[in-house]
Every structure is written in C-alpha cells, then in structure tokens.
Amino acid sequence: DFRPAHFISEMEIKRGESPFLKMESGISISENT
C-alpha cells in the first residue's frame, strides 16, 4: 500500500523574540527536514 502523505508543512524559527526564518514546505523536502 502507499503510505499516506505526512510531512512538515511549516517550521518557524525565532531568535529571542524576533522572527528568524519561517519555512512553508511540502513533500519535496527530505526526511527529517
């Protein structure tokens, strides 16, 4: 059977209280992001 799609869709990184990076992603990013 095909495994269902299950992936990190958003990762938000802050430095202290300041936004650092915000990545919206999908199936094209490798395992473990």
Full PDB file with SEQRES, HELIX, SHEET, SSBOND, CRYST1, ORIGX, SCALE, CONECT and MASTER records, all heavy atoms in Angstrom:
SEQRES   1 A   33  ASP PHE ARG PRO ALA HIS PHE ILE SER GLU MET GLU ILE          
SEQRES   2 A   33  LYS ARG GLY GLU SER PRO PHE LEU LYS MET GLU SER GLY          
SEQRES   3 A   33  ILE SER ILE SER GLU ASN THR                                  
SHEET    1 AA1 2 GLU A  10  ARG A  15  0                                        
SHEET    2 AA1 2 SER A  18  GLU A  24 -1                                        
CRYST1    1.000    1.000    1.000  90.00  90.00  90.00 P 1           1          
ORIGX1      1.000000  0.000000  0.000000        0.00000                         
ORIGX2      0.000000  1.000000  0.000000        0.00000                         
ORIGX3      0.000000  0.000000  1.000000        0.00000                         
SCALE1      1.000000  0.000000  0.000000        0.00000                         
SCALE2      0.000000  1.000000  0.000000        0.00000                         
SCALE3      0.000000  0.000000  1.000000        0.00000                         
ATOM      1  N   ASP A   1       0.843  -1.192   0.000  1.00  0.00           N  
ATOM      2  CA  ASP A   1       0.000   0.000   0.000  1.00  0.00           C  
ATOM      3  C   ASP A   1       0.883   1.249   0.000  1.00  0.00           C  
ATOM      4  O   ASP A   1       2.013   1.219   0.504  1.00  0.00           O  
ATOM      5  CB  ASP A   1      -0.909   0.038   1.233  1.00  0.00           C  
ATOM      6  CG  ASP A   1      -1.946  -1.058   1.221  1.00  0.00           C  
ATOM      7  OD1 ASP A   1      -2.379  -1.445   0.125  1.00  0.00           O  
ATOM      8  OD2 ASP A   1      -2.313  -1.531   2.319  1.00  0.00           O  
ATOM      9  N   PHE A   2       0.358   2.335  -0.523  1.00  0.00           N  
ATOM     10  CA  PHE A   2       1.082   3.592  -0.481  1.00  0.00           C  
ATOM     11  C   PHE A   2       0.938   4.219   0.904  1.00  0.00           C  
ATOM     12  O   PHE A   2      -0.169   4.283   1.451  1.00  0.00           O  
ATOM     13  CB  PHE A   2       0.574   4.563  -1.553  1.00  0.00           C  
ATOM     14  CG  PHE A   2       1.020   4.199  -2.935  1.00  0.00           C  
ATOM     15  CD1 PHE A   2       0.178   3.485  -3.785  1.00  0.00           C  
ATOM     16  CD2 PHE A   2       2.283   4.545  -3.387  1.00  0.00           C  
ATOM     17  CE1 PHE A   2       0.588   3.139  -5.058  1.00  0.00           C  
ATOM     18  CE2 PHE A   2       2.700   4.207  -4.662  1.00  0.00           C  
ATOM     19  CZ  PHE A   2       1.851   3.502  -5.502  1.00  0.00           C  
ATOM     20  N   ARG A   3       2.043   4.650   1.445  1.00  0.00           N  
ATOM     21  CA  ARG A   3       1.986   5.328   2.732  1.00  0.00           C  
ATOM     22  C   ARG A   3       1.344   6.701   2.554  1.00  0.00           C  
ATOM     23  O   ARG A   3       1.636   7.407   1.601  1.00  0.00           O  
ATOM     24  CB  ARG A   3       3.400   5.493   3.294  1.00  0.00           C  
ATOM     25  CG  ARG A   3       4.085   4.171   3.622  1.00  0.00           C  
ATOM     26  CD  ARG A   3       5.523   4.381   4.034  1.00  0.00           C  
ATOM     27  NE  ARG A   3       6.178   3.106   4.358  1.00  0.00           N  
ATOM     28  CZ  ARG A   3       7.480   2.974   4.609  1.00  0.00           C  
ATOM     29  NH1 ARG A   3       8.267   4.052   4.567  1.00  0.00           N  
ATOM     30  NH2 ARG A   3       7.980   1.787   4.891  1.00  0.00           N  
ATOM     31  N   PRO A   4       0.483   7.110   3.468  1.00  0.00           N  
ATOM     32  CA  PRO A   4      -0.168   8.421   3.324  1.00  0.00           C  
ATOM     33  C   PRO A   4       0.843   9.556   3.446  1.00  0.00           C  
ATOM     34  O   PRO A   4       1.861   9.442   4.130  1.00  0.00           O  
ATOM     35  CB  PRO A   4      -1.169   8.443   4.480  1.00  0.00           C  
ATOM     36  CG  PRO A   4      -0.644   7.461   5.475  1.00  0.00           C  
ATOM     37  CD  PRO A   4       0.033   6.387   4.680  1.00  0.00           C  
ATOM     38  N   ALA A   5       0.560  10.635   2.758  1.00  0.00           N  
ATOM     39  CA  ALA A   5       1.425  11.816   2.846  1.00  0.00           C  
ATOM     40  C   ALA A   5       1.437  12.340   4.285  1.00  0.00           C  
ATOM     41  O   ALA A   5       0.387  12.537   4.886  1.00  0.00           O  
ATOM     42  CB  ALA A   5       0.943  12.898   1.888  1.00  0.00           C  
ATOM     43  N   HIS A   6       2.607  12.541   4.821  1.00  0.00           N  
ATOM     44  CA  HIS A   6       2.765  13.003   6.199  1.00  0.00           C  
ATOM     45  C   HIS A   6       4.070  13.777   6.256  1.00  0.00           C  
ATOM     46  O   HIS A   6       5.151  13.200   6.235  1.00  0.00           O  
ATOM     47  CB  HIS A   6       2.791  11.804   7.151  1.00  0.00           C  
ATOM     48  CG  HIS A   6       2.756  12.174   8.603  1.00  0.00           C  
ATOM     49  ND1 HIS A   6       3.042  11.289   9.615  1.00  0.00           N  
ATOM     50  CD2 HIS A   6       2.455  13.358   9.226  1.00  0.00           C  
ATOM     51  CE1 HIS A   6       2.926  11.884  10.789  1.00  0.00           C  
ATOM     52  NE2 HIS A   6       2.571  13.141  10.575  1.00  0.00           N  
ATOM     53  N   PHE A   7       3.987  15.101   6.300  1.00  0.00           N  
ATOM     54  CA  PHE A   7       5.186  15.917   6.159  1.00  0.00           C  
ATOM     55  C   PHE A   7       5.084  17.194   6.987  1.00  0.00           C  
ATOM     56  O   PHE A   7       3.997  17.657   7.318  1.00  0.00           O  
ATOM     57  CB  PHE A   7       5.410  16.290   4.685  1.00  0.00           C  
ATOM     58  CG  PHE A   7       4.206  16.916   4.021  1.00  0.00           C  
ATOM     59  CD1 PHE A   7       3.963  18.273   4.123  1.00  0.00           C  
ATOM     60  CD2 PHE A   7       3.308  16.137   3.303  1.00  0.00           C  
ATOM     61  CE1 PHE A   7       2.854  18.853   3.526  1.00  0.00           C  
ATOM     62  CE2 PHE A   7       2.196  16.699   2.703  1.00  0.00           C  
ATOM     63  CZ  PHE A   7       1.966  18.060   2.807  1.00  0.00           C  
ATOM     64  N   ILE A   8       6.239  17.749   7.315  1.00  0.00           N  
ATOM     65  CA  ILE A   8       6.295  19.057   7.963  1.00  0.00           C  
ATOM     66  C   ILE A   8       5.836  20.116   6.968  1.00  0.00           C  
ATOM     67  O   ILE A   8       6.403  20.254   5.888  1.00  0.00           O  
ATOM     68  CB  ILE A   8       7.720  19.376   8.451  1.00  0.00           C  
ATOM     69  CG1 ILE A   8       8.151  18.411   9.548  1.00  0.00           C  
ATOM     70  CG2 ILE A   8       7.816  20.817   8.943  1.00  0.00           C  
ATOM     71  CD1 ILE A   8       7.401  18.562  10.851  1.00  0.00           C  
ATOM     72  N   SER A   9       4.796  20.839   7.326  1.00  0.00           N  
ATOM     73  CA  SER A   9       4.269  21.867   6.423  1.00  0.00           C  
ATOM     74  C   SER A   9       4.745  23.270   6.791  1.00  0.00           C  
ATOM     75  O   SER A   9       4.696  24.176   5.952  1.00  0.00           O  
ATOM     76  CB  SER A   9       2.735  21.830   6.420  1.00  0.00           C  
ATOM     77  OG  SER A   9       2.227  21.978   7.735  1.00  0.00           O  
ATOM     78  N   GLU A  10       5.204  23.446   8.036  1.00  0.00           N  
ATOM     79  CA  GLU A  10       5.690  24.771   8.434  1.00  0.00           C  
ATOM     80  C   GLU A  10       6.697  24.637   9.571  1.00  0.00           C  
ATOM     81  O   GLU A  10       6.499  23.844  10.484  1.00  0.00           O  
ATOM     82  CB  GLU A  10       4.517  25.645   8.874  1.00  0.00           C  
ATOM     83  CG  GLU A  10       4.906  27.083   9.210  1.00  0.00           C  
ATOM     84  CD  GLU A  10       3.691  27.945   9.501  1.00  0.00           C  
ATOM     85  OE1 GLU A  10       2.938  28.230   8.546  1.00  0.00           O  
ATOM     86  OE2 GLU A  10       3.476  28.300  10.668  1.00  0.00           O  
ATOM     87  N   MET A  11       7.770  25.371   9.477  1.00  0.00           N  
ATOM     88  CA  MET A  11       8.750  25.447  10.548  1.00  0.00           C  
ATOM     89  C   MET A  11       9.075  26.914  10.789  1.00  0.00           C  
ATOM     90  O   MET A  11       9.515  27.624   9.885  1.00  0.00           O  
ATOM     91  CB  MET A  11      10.032  24.681  10.204  1.00  0.00           C  
ATOM     92  CG  MET A  11      11.081  24.731  11.316  1.00  0.00           C  
ATOM     93  SD  MET A  11      12.658  23.954  10.860  1.00  0.00           S  
ATOM     94  CE  MET A  11      12.157  22.245  10.711  1.00  0.00           C  
ATOM     95  N   GLU A  12       8.842  27.361  12.010  1.00  0.00           N  
ATOM     96  CA  GLU A  12       9.096  28.760  12.368  1.00  0.00           C  
ATOM     97  C   GLU A  12      10.201  28.821  13.408  1.00  0.00           C  
ATOM     98  O   GLU A  12      10.118  28.186  14.458  1.00  0.00           O  
ATOM     99  CB  GLU A  12       7.830  29.407  12.908  1.00  0.00           C  
ATOM    100  CG  GLU A  12       7.989  30.885  13.219  1.00  0.00           C  
ATOM    101  CD  GLU A  12       6.675  31.540  13.629  1.00  0.00           C  
ATOM    102  OE1 GLU A  12       5.687  30.811  13.791  1.00  0.00           O  
ATOM    103  OE2 GLU A  12       6.660  32.775  13.784  1.00  0.00           O  
ATOM    104  N   ILE A  13      11.243  29.576  13.087  1.00  0.00           N  
ATOM    105  CA  ILE A  13      12.387  29.729  13.983  1.00  0.00           C  
ATOM    106  C   ILE A  13      12.438  31.174  14.457  1.00  0.00           C  
ATOM    107  O   ILE A  13      12.344  32.108  13.658  1.00  0.00           O  
ATOM    108  CB  ILE A  13      13.708  29.371  13.274  1.00  0.00           C  
ATOM    109  CG1 ILE A  13      13.643  27.944  12.720  1.00  0.00           C  
ATOM    110  CG2 ILE A  13      14.896  29.516  14.230  1.00  0.00           C  
ATOM    111  CD1 ILE A  13      14.871  27.556  11.910  1.00  0.00           C  
ATOM    112  N   LYS A  14      12.581  31.350  15.778  1.00  0.00           N  
ATOM    113  CA  LYS A  14      12.749  32.683  16.347  1.00  0.00           C  
ATOM    114  C   LYS A  14      14.108  32.789  17.018  1.00  0.00           C  
ATOM    115  O   LYS A  14      14.621  31.812  17.570  1.00  0.00           O  
ATOM    116  CB  LYS A  14      11.645  32.978  17.367  1.00  0.00           C  
ATOM    117  CG  LYS A  14      10.283  33.196  16.746  1.00  0.00           C  
ATOM    118  CD  LYS A  14       9.274  33.637  17.794  1.00  0.00           C  
ATOM    119  CE  LYS A  14       7.936  33.947  17.163  1.00  0.00           C  
ATOM    120  NZ  LYS A  14       6.953  34.409  18.178  1.00  0.00           N  
ATOM    121  N   ARG A  15      14.647  33.983  17.003  1.00  0.00           N  
ATOM    122  CA  ARG A  15      15.894  34.298  17.700  1.00  0.00           C  
ATOM    123  C   ARG A  15      15.522  35.255  18.820  1.00  0.00           C  
ATOM    124  O   ARG A  15      15.236  36.422  18.566  1.00  0.00           O  
ATOM    125  CB  ARG A  15      16.879  34.930  16.729  1.00  0.00           C  
ATOM    126  CG  ARG A  15      18.241  35.222  17.300  1.00  0.00           C  
ATOM    127  CD  ARG A  15      19.111  35.796  16.196  1.00  0.00           C  
ATOM    128  NE  ARG A  15      20.466  35.998  16.623  1.00  0.00           N  
ATOM    129  CZ  ARG A  15      21.428  36.464  15.840  1.00  0.00           C  
ATOM    130  NH1 ARG A  15      21.165  36.758  14.557  1.00  0.00           N  
ATOM    131  NH2 ARG A  15      22.653  36.639  16.293  1.00  0.00           N  
ATOM    132  N   GLY A  16      15.471  34.747  20.038  1.00  0.00           N  
ATOM    133  CA  GLY A  16      14.876  35.527  21.108  1.00  0.00           C  
ATOM    134  C   GLY A  16      13.404  35.696  20.803  1.00  0.00           C  
ATOM    135  O   GLY A  16      12.690  34.729  20.572  1.00  0.00           O  
ATOM    136  N   GLU A  17      12.922  36.927  20.749  1.00  0.00           N  
ATOM    137  CA  GLU A  17      11.532  37.206  20.407  1.00  0.00           C  
ATOM    138  C   GLU A  17      11.382  37.631  18.954  1.00  0.00           C  
ATOM    139  O   GLU A  17      10.271  37.908  18.498  1.00  0.00           O  
ATOM    140  CB  GLU A  17      10.975  38.309  21.320  1.00  0.00           C  
ATOM    141  CG  GLU A  17      10.925  37.927  22.792  1.00  0.00           C  
ATOM    142  CD  GLU A  17      10.046  36.723  23.029  1.00  0.00           C  
ATOM    143  OE1 GLU A  17       8.968  36.642  22.394  1.00  0.00           O  
ATOM    144  OE2 GLU A  17      10.417  35.851  23.843  1.00  0.00           O  
ATOM    145  N   SER A  18      12.493  37.662  18.220  1.00  0.00           N  
ATOM    146  CA  SER A  18      12.469  38.174  16.849  1.00  0.00           C  
ATOM    147  C   SER A  18      12.331  37.038  15.833  1.00  0.00           C  
ATOM    148  O   SER A  18      13.059  36.044  15.906  1.00  0.00           O  
ATOM    149  CB  SER A  18      13.755  38.958  16.568  1.00  0.00           C  
ATOM    150  OG  SER A  18      13.751  39.484  15.260  1.00  0.00           O  
ATOM    151  N   PRO A  19      11.415  37.157  14.871  1.00  0.00           N  
ATOM    152  CA  PRO A  19      11.315  36.139  13.817  1.00  0.00           C  
ATOM    153  C   PRO A  19      12.637  35.991  13.068  1.00  0.00           C  
ATOM    154  O   PRO A  19      13.275  36.980  12.706  1.00  0.00           O  
ATOM    155  CB  PRO A  19      10.223  36.692  12.900  1.00  0.00           C  
ATOM    156  CG  PRO A  19       9.415  37.602  13.761  1.00  0.00           C  
ATOM    157  CD  PRO A  19      10.406  38.217  14.715  1.00  0.00           C  
ATOM    158  N   PHE A  20      13.040  34.748  12.848  1.00  0.00           N  
ATOM    159  CA  PHE A  20      14.316  34.462  12.184  1.00  0.00           C  
ATOM    160  C   PHE A  20      14.057  33.893  10.791  1.00  0.00           C  
ATOM    161  O   PHE A  20      14.331  34.547   9.797  1.00  0.00           O  
ATOM    162  CB  PHE A  20      15.118  33.474  13.041  1.00  0.00           C  
ATOM    163  CG  PHE A  20      16.530  33.260  12.574  1.00  0.00           C  
ATOM    164  CD1 PHE A  20      17.513  34.195  12.857  1.00  0.00           C  
ATOM    165  CD2 PHE A  20      16.869  32.124  11.862  1.00  0.00           C  
ATOM    166  CE1 PHE A  20      18.825  34.002  12.425  1.00  0.00           C  
ATOM    167  CE2 PHE A  20      18.174  31.914  11.428  1.00  0.00           C  
ATOM    168  CZ  PHE A  20      19.156  32.854  11.707  1.00  0.00           C  
ATOM    169  N   LEU A  21      13.529  32.695  10.721  1.00  0.00           N  
ATOM    170  CA  LEU A  21      13.122  32.088   9.453  1.00  0.00           C  
ATOM    171  C   LEU A  21      11.752  31.448   9.645  1.00  0.00           C  
ATOM    172  O   LEU A  21      11.456  30.884  10.687  1.00  0.00           O  
ATOM    173  CB  LEU A  21      14.094  30.996   9.006  1.00  0.00           C  
ATOM    174  CG  LEU A  21      15.526  31.357   8.634  1.00  0.00           C  
ATOM    175  CD1 LEU A  21      16.296  30.092   8.297  1.00  0.00           C  
ATOM    176  CD2 LEU A  21      15.552  32.317   7.461  1.00  0.00           C  
ATOM    177  N   LYS A  22      10.934  31.502   8.602  1.00  0.00           N  
ATOM    178  CA  LYS A  22       9.686  30.757   8.593  1.00  0.00           C  
ATOM    179  C   LYS A  22       9.595  30.037   7.255  1.00  0.00           C  
ATOM    180  O   LYS A  22       9.517  30.676   6.211  1.00  0.00           O  
ATOM    181  CB  LYS A  22       8.482  31.682   8.794  1.00  0.00           C  
ATOM    182  CG  LYS A  22       7.157  30.931   8.879  1.00  0.00           C  
ATOM    183  CD  LYS A  22       6.022  31.888   9.174  1.00  0.00           C  
ATOM    184  CE  LYS A  22       4.703  31.140   9.315  1.00  0.00           C  
ATOM    185  NZ  LYS A  22       3.581  32.071   9.611  1.00  0.00           N  
ATOM    186  N   MET A  23       9.622  28.708   7.308  1.00  0.00           N  
ATOM    187  CA  MET A  23       9.634  27.916   6.090  1.00  0.00           C  
ATOM    188  C   MET A  23       8.334  27.137   5.948  1.00  0.00           C  
ATOM    189  O   MET A  23       7.993  26.324   6.796  1.00  0.00           O  
ATOM    190  CB  MET A  23      10.814  26.944   6.078  1.00  0.00           C  
ATOM    191  CG  MET A  23      10.898  26.102   4.800  1.00  0.00           C  
ATOM    192  SD  MET A  23      12.399  25.103   4.672  1.00  0.00           S  
ATOM    193  CE  MET A  23      11.987  23.756   5.800  1.00  0.00           C  
ATOM    194  N   GLU A  24       7.596  27.410   4.874  1.00  0.00           N  
ATOM    195  CA  GLU A  24       6.464  26.581   4.483  1.00  0.00           C  
ATOM    196  C   GLU A  24       6.987  25.569   3.472  1.00  0.00           C  
ATOM    197  O   GLU A  24       7.665  25.941   2.508  1.00  0.00           O  
ATOM    198  CB  GLU A  24       5.352  27.429   3.867  1.00  0.00           C  
ATOM    199  CG  GLU A  24       4.706  28.403   4.840  1.00  0.00           C  
ATOM    200  CD  GLU A  24       3.563  29.165   4.196  1.00  0.00           C  
ATOM    201  OE1 GLU A  24       2.866  28.584   3.347  1.00  0.00           O  
ATOM    202  OE2 GLU A  24       3.391  30.340   4.535  1.00  0.00           O  
ATOM    203  N   SER A  25       6.708  24.301   3.697  1.00  0.00           N  
ATOM    204  CA  SER A  25       7.299  23.275   2.850  1.00  0.00           C  
ATOM    205  C   SER A  25       6.309  22.163   2.589  1.00  0.00           C  
ATOM    206  O   SER A  25       5.173  22.186   3.068  1.00  0.00           O  
ATOM    207  CB  SER A  25       8.577  22.729   3.496  1.00  0.00           C  
ATOM    208  OG  SER A  25       8.312  22.202   4.783  1.00  0.00           O  
ATOM    209  N   GLY A  26       6.746  21.163   1.806  1.00  0.00           N  
ATOM    210  CA  GLY A  26       5.869  20.062   1.442  1.00  0.00           C  
ATOM    211  C   GLY A  26       6.655  18.792   1.211  1.00  0.00           C  
ATOM    212  O   GLY A  26       7.687  18.550   1.844  1.00  0.00           O  
ATOM    213  N   ILE A  27       6.205  17.983   0.253  1.00  0.00           N  
ATOM    214  CA  ILE A  27       6.780  16.655   0.063  1.00  0.00           C  
ATOM    215  C   ILE A  27       8.166  16.672  -0.557  1.00  0.00           C  
ATOM    216  O   ILE A  27       8.847  15.652  -0.568  1.00  0.00           O  
ATOM    217  CB  ILE A  27       5.848  15.774  -0.790  1.00  0.00           C  
ATOM    218  CG1 ILE A  27       5.716  16.336  -2.221  1.00  0.00           C  
ATOM    219  CG2 ILE A  27       4.488  15.626  -0.132  1.00  0.00           C  
ATOM    220  CD1 ILE A  27       4.977  15.408  -3.173  1.00  0.00           C  
ATOM    221  N   SER A  28       8.610  17.801  -1.095  1.00  0.00           N  
ATOM    222  CA  SER A  28       9.911  17.847  -1.758  1.00  0.00           C  
ATOM    223  C   SER A  28      11.085  17.973  -0.797  1.00  0.00           C  
ATOM    224  O   SER A  28      12.235  17.799  -1.206  1.00  0.00           O  
ATOM    225  CB  SER A  28       9.957  19.006  -2.770  1.00  0.00           C  
ATOM    226  OG  SER A  28       9.048  18.782  -3.836  1.00  0.00           O  
ATOM    227  N   ILE A  29      10.827  18.297   0.462  1.00  0.00           N  
ATOM    228  CA  ILE A  29      11.900  18.386   1.447  1.00  0.00           C  
ATOM    229  C   ILE A  29      12.185  16.989   1.998  1.00  0.00           C  
ATOM    230  O   ILE A  29      11.275  16.213   2.276  1.00  0.00           O  
ATOM    231  CB  ILE A  29      11.528  19.345   2.586  1.00  0.00           C  
ATOM    232  CG1 ILE A  29      11.269  20.756   2.026  1.00  0.00           C  
ATOM    233  CG2 ILE A  29      12.634  19.394   3.641  1.00  0.00           C  
ATOM    234  CD1 ILE A  29      12.470  21.404   1.355  1.00  0.00           C  
ATOM    235  N   SER A  30      13.458  16.668   2.171  1.00  0.00           N  
ATOM    236  CA  SER A  30      13.861  15.325   2.568  1.00  0.00           C  
ATOM    237  C   SER A  30      13.407  14.973   3.986  1.00  0.00           C  
ATOM    238  O   SER A  30      13.005  15.841   4.766  1.00  0.00           O  
ATOM    239  CB  SER A  30      15.386  15.191   2.483  1.00  0.00           C  
ATOM    240  OG  SER A  30      15.836  15.359   1.162  1.00  0.00           O  
ATOM    241  N   GLU A  31      13.507  13.703   4.287  1.00  0.00           N  
ATOM    242  CA  GLU A  31      13.199  13.176   5.616  1.00  0.00           C  
ATOM    243  C   GLU A  31      13.937  13.969   6.693  1.00  0.00           C  
ATOM    244  O   GLU A  31      15.080  14.381   6.522  1.00  0.00           O  
ATOM    245  CB  GLU A  31      13.643  11.712   5.655  1.00  0.00           C  
ATOM    246  CG  GLU A  31      13.362  10.972   6.937  1.00  0.00           C  
ATOM    247  CD  GLU A  31      13.801   9.514   6.858  1.00  0.00           C  
ATOM    248  OE1 GLU A  31      14.511   9.165   5.887  1.00  0.00           O  
ATOM    249  OE2 GLU A  31      13.434   8.741   7.746  1.00  0.00           O  
ATOM    250  N   ASN A  32      13.256  14.215   7.805  1.00  0.00           N  
ATOM    251  CA  ASN A  32      13.796  14.911   8.984  1.00  0.00           C  
ATOM    252  C   ASN A  32      14.012  16.407   8.788  1.00  0.00           C  
ATOM    253  O   ASN A  32      14.585  17.073   9.658  1.00  0.00           O  
ATOM    254  CB  ASN A  32      15.091  14.259   9.478  1.00  0.00           C  
ATOM    255  CG  ASN A  32      14.869  12.842   9.968  1.00  0.00           C  
ATOM    256  OD1 ASN A  32      13.814  12.509  10.494  1.00  0.00           O  
ATOM    257  ND2 ASN A  32      15.856  11.982   9.772  1.00  0.00           N  
ATOM    258  N   THR A  33      13.560  16.964   7.683  1.00  0.00           N  
ATOM    259  CA  THR A  33      13.557  18.410   7.447  1.00  0.00           C  
ATOM    260  C   THR A  33      14.877  19.076   7.859  1.00  0.00           C  
ATOM    261  O   THR A  33      14.904  19.956   8.730  1.00  0.00           O  
ATOM    262  CB  THR A  33      12.388  19.078   8.207  1.00  0.00           C  
ATOM    263  OG1 THR A  33      11.216  18.260   8.096  1.00  0.00           O  
ATOM    264  CG2 THR A  33      12.074  20.453   7.627  1.00  0.00           C  
TER     265      THR A  33                                                      
MASTER        0    0    0    0    2    0    0    6  264    1    0    3          
END                                                                             
